[in-house]
Amino acid sequence: MPACSSICFKGVLRFETDNISDNFLPYCFAAAFTPASAHGARLLDGAGLLDEYSAEAVTGALDRMSEQLKMELVIVTTDSTDGREPRDYAADIYDYGDYGYNTTNDGIVLLIVMDDRYVGMTSTGKGRSVYTASVQNDMRDVITPYLRDGNYERAFFLCSASFAPTQRMLTTAARATM
């Protein structure tokens, strides 16, 4: 089995791999979570886009918003998905990382794949009703210019702020789950 080790600082995971296929990476992400936390790290910066200070600040913003909304908000960066569909890659990280609130595992994942310049989102539970394709496209439009300029910290802060749904969105989601 390939070697996978993680470095964790204040809820942010960075991975060091030795001849490991990205097909195996979601399992490494999932295996690295500490049992002391009810949820895994909400920032998985596998591509190493943020320094430690920035990563801690973004993680704090994601933690606060996740707790407020009772919905898991996760940002994942990677260099490559090794040919896998990005949506499946993000879903595996979410599922194997034991993310989600409530029995419906409410949440959303922003995935950034550096080699493919892919920026996408996948959601589950209440997240599907709140973060529709239209909302996800709007969020992507807001952060893409900052990603393009290499201002990842700003992009991630804007993303975490964009995760805050309006009251209308929450009401619509509540009706959809009745």
Protein backbone atom coordinates (compact mmCIF):
# COMPACT_ATOMS: atom_id res chain seq x y z
CA MET A 1 0.00 0.00 0.00
CA PRO A 2 1.34 3.49 -0.81
CA ALA A 3 2.69 5.65 1.97
CA CYS A 4 0.66 8.65 2.99
CA SER A 5 1.40 10.94 5.88
CA SER A 6 -0.30 14.11 6.96
CA ILE A 7 0.73 17.19 8.82
CA CYS A 8 -2.08 18.80 10.77
CA PHE A 9 -1.95 22.26 12.24
CA LYS A 10 -5.05 23.79 13.78
CA GLY A 11 -7.53 21.90 11.63
CA VAL A 12 -5.69 22.26 8.31
CA LEU A 13 -4.27 19.15 6.68
CA ARG A 14 -1.33 19.10 4.32
CA PHE A 15 -0.24 15.84 2.76
CA GLU A 16 3.10 14.39 1.88
CA THR A 17 2.94 11.42 -0.43
CA ASP A 18 5.46 8.96 -1.74
CA ASN A 19 4.54 7.42 -5.11
CA ILE A 20 0.87 7.62 -4.37
CA SER A 21 -1.90 7.72 -6.92
CA ASP A 22 -4.52 10.45 -6.55
CA ASN A 23 -7.07 7.64 -6.73
CA PHE A 24 -5.88 6.79 -3.23
CA LEU A 25 -5.78 10.39 -1.95
CA PRO A 26 -9.41 10.59 -0.76
CA TYR A 27 -8.66 7.65 1.52
CA CYS A 28 -5.55 9.44 2.82
CA PHE A 29 -7.63 12.54 3.50
CA ALA A 30 -10.18 10.46 5.36
CA ALA A 31 -7.59 8.49 7.32
CA ALA A 32 -5.83 11.61 8.55
CA PHE A 33 -8.76 13.04 10.51
CA THR A 34 -8.36 12.93 14.24
CA PRO A 35 -11.06 11.24 16.34
CA ALA A 36 -11.02 14.20 18.75
CA SER A 37 -12.95 16.25 16.19
CA ALA A 38 -16.55 15.56 15.24
CA HIS A 39 -15.78 16.71 11.72
CA GLY A 40 -12.65 16.58 9.58
CA ALA A 41 -10.59 19.62 8.71
CA ARG A 42 -12.67 22.02 6.64
CA LEU A 43 -9.68 23.19 4.60
CA LEU A 44 -7.76 20.45 2.81
CA ASP A 45 -4.98 22.31 1.05
CA GLY A 46 -3.34 19.42 -0.79
CA ALA A 47 -1.97 21.82 -3.44
CA GLY A 48 -0.27 23.94 -0.76
CA LEU A 49 -1.79 27.23 -1.90
CA LEU A 50 -1.84 28.91 1.51
CA ASP A 51 0.80 29.58 4.13
CA GLU A 52 0.11 28.48 7.70
CA TYR A 53 -1.22 31.86 8.84
CA SER A 54 -3.64 32.17 5.89
CA ALA A 55 -4.75 28.56 6.24
CA GLU A 56 -5.58 29.09 9.93
CA ALA A 57 -7.60 32.22 9.13
CA VAL A 58 -9.57 30.55 6.32
CA THR A 59 -10.20 27.49 8.50
CA GLY A 60 -11.57 29.74 11.25
CA ALA A 61 -13.97 31.39 8.80
CA LEU A 62 -15.15 28.00 7.50
CA ASP A 63 -15.57 26.67 11.04
CA ARG A 64 -17.65 29.67 12.14
CA MET A 65 -19.89 29.57 9.08
CA SER A 66 -20.33 25.77 9.28
CA GLU A 67 -21.36 25.96 12.92
CA GLN A 68 -23.71 28.87 12.27
CA LEU A 69 -25.46 27.17 9.34
CA LYS A 70 -25.27 23.62 10.72
CA MET A 71 -23.96 22.66 7.31
CA GLU A 72 -20.45 21.42 6.53
CA LEU A 73 -18.50 23.89 4.37
CA VAL A 74 -15.29 22.40 2.99
CA ILE A 75 -12.60 23.69 0.62
CA VAL A 76 -10.30 21.14 -1.04
CA THR A 77 -7.29 21.93 -3.23
CA THR A 78 -5.26 19.35 -5.12
CA ASP A 79 -2.80 19.34 -7.97
CA SER A 80 -4.59 16.56 -9.85
CA THR A 81 -7.43 14.06 -9.57
CA ASP A 82 -5.35 11.58 -11.59
CA GLY A 83 -7.99 11.29 -14.29
CA ARG A 84 -10.95 10.88 -11.96
CA GLU A 85 -14.05 13.01 -12.38
CA PRO A 86 -13.61 16.02 -10.09
CA ARG A 87 -17.18 15.69 -8.80
CA ASP A 88 -16.53 12.06 -7.76
CA TYR A 89 -13.20 13.03 -6.21
CA ALA A 90 -14.85 15.74 -4.08
CA ALA A 91 -17.73 13.43 -3.12
CA ASP A 92 -15.28 10.73 -1.97
CA ILE A 93 -13.41 13.20 0.22
CA TYR A 94 -16.68 14.36 1.75
CA ASP A 95 -18.01 10.83 2.30
CA TYR A 96 -14.80 9.22 3.58
CA GLY A 97 -13.92 12.29 5.65
CA ASP A 98 -17.11 11.85 7.68
CA TYR A 99 -18.38 15.32 6.84
CA GLY A 100 -21.94 16.53 7.11
CA TYR A 101 -24.51 17.69 9.59
CA ASN A 102 -27.67 15.84 10.55
CA THR A 103 -28.73 12.49 9.15
CA THR A 104 -28.72 13.93 5.63
CA ASN A 105 -25.02 14.97 5.83
CA ASP A 106 -25.80 18.59 4.92
CA GLY A 107 -22.90 20.40 3.28
CA ILE A 108 -20.99 21.61 0.25
CA VAL A 109 -17.43 21.15 -1.04
CA LEU A 110 -15.47 23.60 -3.18
CA LEU A 111 -12.84 21.68 -5.15
CA ILE A 112 -9.92 23.35 -6.92
CA VAL A 113 -7.75 21.18 -9.19
CA MET A 114 -4.64 23.13 -10.15
CA ASP A 115 -3.43 21.01 -13.12
CA ASP A 116 -6.83 21.20 -14.84
CA ARG A 117 -7.67 24.71 -13.60
CA TYR A 118 -10.95 23.21 -12.42
CA VAL A 119 -13.13 25.04 -9.92
CA GLY A 120 -16.30 23.23 -8.95
CA MET A 121 -18.66 22.43 -6.14
CA THR A 122 -20.68 19.47 -4.99
CA SER A 123 -23.33 19.46 -2.30
CA THR A 124 -25.36 17.00 -0.29
CA GLY A 125 -28.41 16.98 1.96
CA LYS A 126 -29.80 20.46 2.61
CA GLY A 127 -26.84 21.79 0.65
CA ARG A 128 -28.43 20.59 -2.60
CA SER A 129 -31.51 22.74 -2.03
CA VAL A 130 -29.59 25.79 -0.86
CA TYR A 131 -26.59 25.68 -3.21
CA THR A 132 -28.31 25.08 -6.54
CA ALA A 133 -26.33 25.04 -9.79
CA SER A 134 -27.20 28.70 -10.29
CA VAL A 135 -25.92 29.69 -6.83
CA GLN A 136 -22.77 27.63 -7.34
CA ASN A 137 -22.14 29.37 -10.69
CA ASP A 138 -22.56 32.77 -9.03
CA MET A 139 -20.11 31.80 -6.27
CA ARG A 140 -17.61 30.54 -8.85
CA ASP A 141 -17.92 33.82 -10.78
CA VAL A 142 -17.07 35.77 -7.61
CA ILE A 143 -13.94 33.81 -6.68
CA THR A 144 -12.47 32.90 -10.09
CA PRO A 145 -10.75 36.27 -10.73
CA TYR A 146 -8.93 35.96 -7.39
CA LEU A 147 -7.93 32.37 -8.10
CA ARG A 148 -6.65 33.41 -11.52
CA ASP A 149 -4.51 36.14 -9.89
CA GLY A 150 -3.13 33.71 -7.29
CA ASN A 151 -4.89 35.51 -4.44
CA TYR A 152 -6.11 32.24 -2.91
CA GLU A 153 -6.64 33.57 0.59
CA ARG A 154 -8.99 36.29 -0.69
CA ALA A 155 -10.81 33.79 -2.92
CA PHE A 156 -11.33 31.40 -0.01
CA PHE A 157 -12.55 34.17 2.30
CA LEU A 158 -15.01 35.31 -0.36
CA CYS A 159 -16.10 31.72 -0.82
CA SER A 160 -16.69 31.23 2.91
CA ALA A 161 -18.70 34.47 2.99
CA SER A 162 -20.63 33.35 -0.10
CA PHE A 163 -21.56 30.15 1.70
CA ALA A 164 -23.85 32.25 3.91
CA PRO A 165 -27.22 31.69 2.29
CA THR A 166 -29.97 34.23 2.34
CA GLN A 167 -33.06 33.65 4.45
CA ARG A 168 -35.04 33.08 1.24
CA MET A 169 -32.67 30.27 0.23
CA LEU A 170 -33.01 28.59 3.63
CA THR A 171 -36.80 28.86 3.54
CA THR A 172 -36.91 27.35 0.06
CA ALA A 173 -34.62 24.52 1.20
CA ALA A 174 -36.78 23.84 4.26
CA ARG A 175 -39.89 23.57 2.07
CA ALA A 176 -38.09 21.24 -0.34
CA THR A 177 -37.24 18.80 2.46
CA MET A 178 -40.80 18.67 3.87
